[in-house]
């Protein structure tokens, strides 16, 4: 499960919009918004975001454990 709150923060810190990130990873903004809502991205999309947004600690965002 992706920590979308942290991902949104990184996107904002980098001065990007969610639409910018969608285009960067090769999907439509609408698809990106749906994936953010569900908290699920493919491994290739995750890698593109890590590289494109220069995310230093991706484990905290993309491989977060669900709190039970």
Protein backbone atom coordinates (compact mmCIF):
# COMPACT_ATOMS: atom_id res chain seq x y z
CA UNK A 1 0.00 0.00 0.00
CA UNK A 2 1.40 3.36 -1.05
CA UNK A 3 1.51 6.17 1.50
CA UNK A 4 -0.23 8.67 -0.76
CA UNK A 5 0.02 11.44 1.83
CA UNK A 6 3.83 11.22 1.75
CA UNK A 7 3.87 10.89 -2.03
CA UNK A 8 1.73 14.02 -2.38
CA UNK A 9 4.18 15.85 -0.11
CA UNK A 10 7.17 14.85 -2.25
CA UNK A 11 5.35 15.83 -5.44
CA UNK A 12 4.64 19.27 -3.94
CA UNK A 13 8.22 19.64 -2.63
CA UNK A 14 9.52 19.02 -6.15
CA UNK A 15 7.21 21.71 -7.55
CA UNK A 16 5.26 19.21 -9.65
CA UNK A 17 1.59 18.53 -10.05
CA UNK A 18 0.01 15.09 -9.98
CA UNK A 19 -0.67 15.55 -13.70
CA UNK A 20 3.07 16.16 -14.26
CA UNK A 21 3.90 12.92 -12.48
CA UNK A 22 1.24 11.04 -14.44
CA UNK A 23 2.82 12.13 -17.73
CA UNK A 24 6.30 11.36 -16.38
CA UNK A 25 5.35 7.74 -15.65
CA UNK A 26 3.36 7.32 -18.86
CA UNK A 27 -0.26 7.26 -17.69
CA UNK A 28 -3.13 9.72 -17.94
CA UNK A 29 -3.82 12.11 -15.08
CA UNK A 30 -7.21 10.44 -14.57
CA UNK A 31 -5.52 7.04 -14.16
CA UNK A 32 -2.98 8.58 -11.78
CA UNK A 33 -5.73 10.05 -9.59
CA UNK A 34 -7.46 6.66 -9.45
CA UNK A 35 -4.21 4.94 -8.48
CA UNK A 36 -3.62 7.55 -5.77
CA UNK A 37 -7.14 6.97 -4.46
CA UNK A 38 -6.56 3.22 -4.30
CA UNK A 39 -2.93 3.48 -3.16
CA UNK A 40 -1.72 0.96 -5.74
CA UNK A 41 0.91 1.43 -8.46
CA UNK A 42 2.78 -1.01 -10.66
CA UNK A 43 6.46 -1.68 -9.98
CA UNK A 44 7.53 0.07 -13.20
CA UNK A 45 5.48 3.15 -12.27
CA UNK A 46 7.01 3.16 -8.79
CA UNK A 47 10.53 2.98 -10.23
CA UNK A 48 9.82 5.88 -12.60
CA UNK A 49 8.53 7.98 -9.69
CA UNK A 50 11.55 7.13 -7.53
CA UNK A 51 13.90 8.18 -10.34
CA UNK A 52 11.90 11.12 -11.68
CA UNK A 53 11.14 12.68 -8.29
CA UNK A 54 14.55 11.78 -6.81
CA UNK A 55 12.99 10.02 -3.83
CA UNK A 56 15.73 9.18 -1.32
CA UNK A 57 13.82 6.77 0.94
CA UNK A 58 11.21 5.02 -1.21
CA UNK A 59 10.52 2.24 1.31
CA UNK A 60 8.65 4.66 3.58
CA UNK A 61 6.31 5.63 0.74
CA UNK A 62 5.91 2.68 -1.59
CA UNK A 63 6.33 -0.29 0.70
CA UNK A 64 4.59 0.94 3.84
CA UNK A 65 3.04 -1.66 6.07
CA UNK A 66 -0.64 -1.31 6.77
CA UNK A 67 -1.40 -0.49 10.37
CA UNK A 68 -3.75 -3.08 11.85
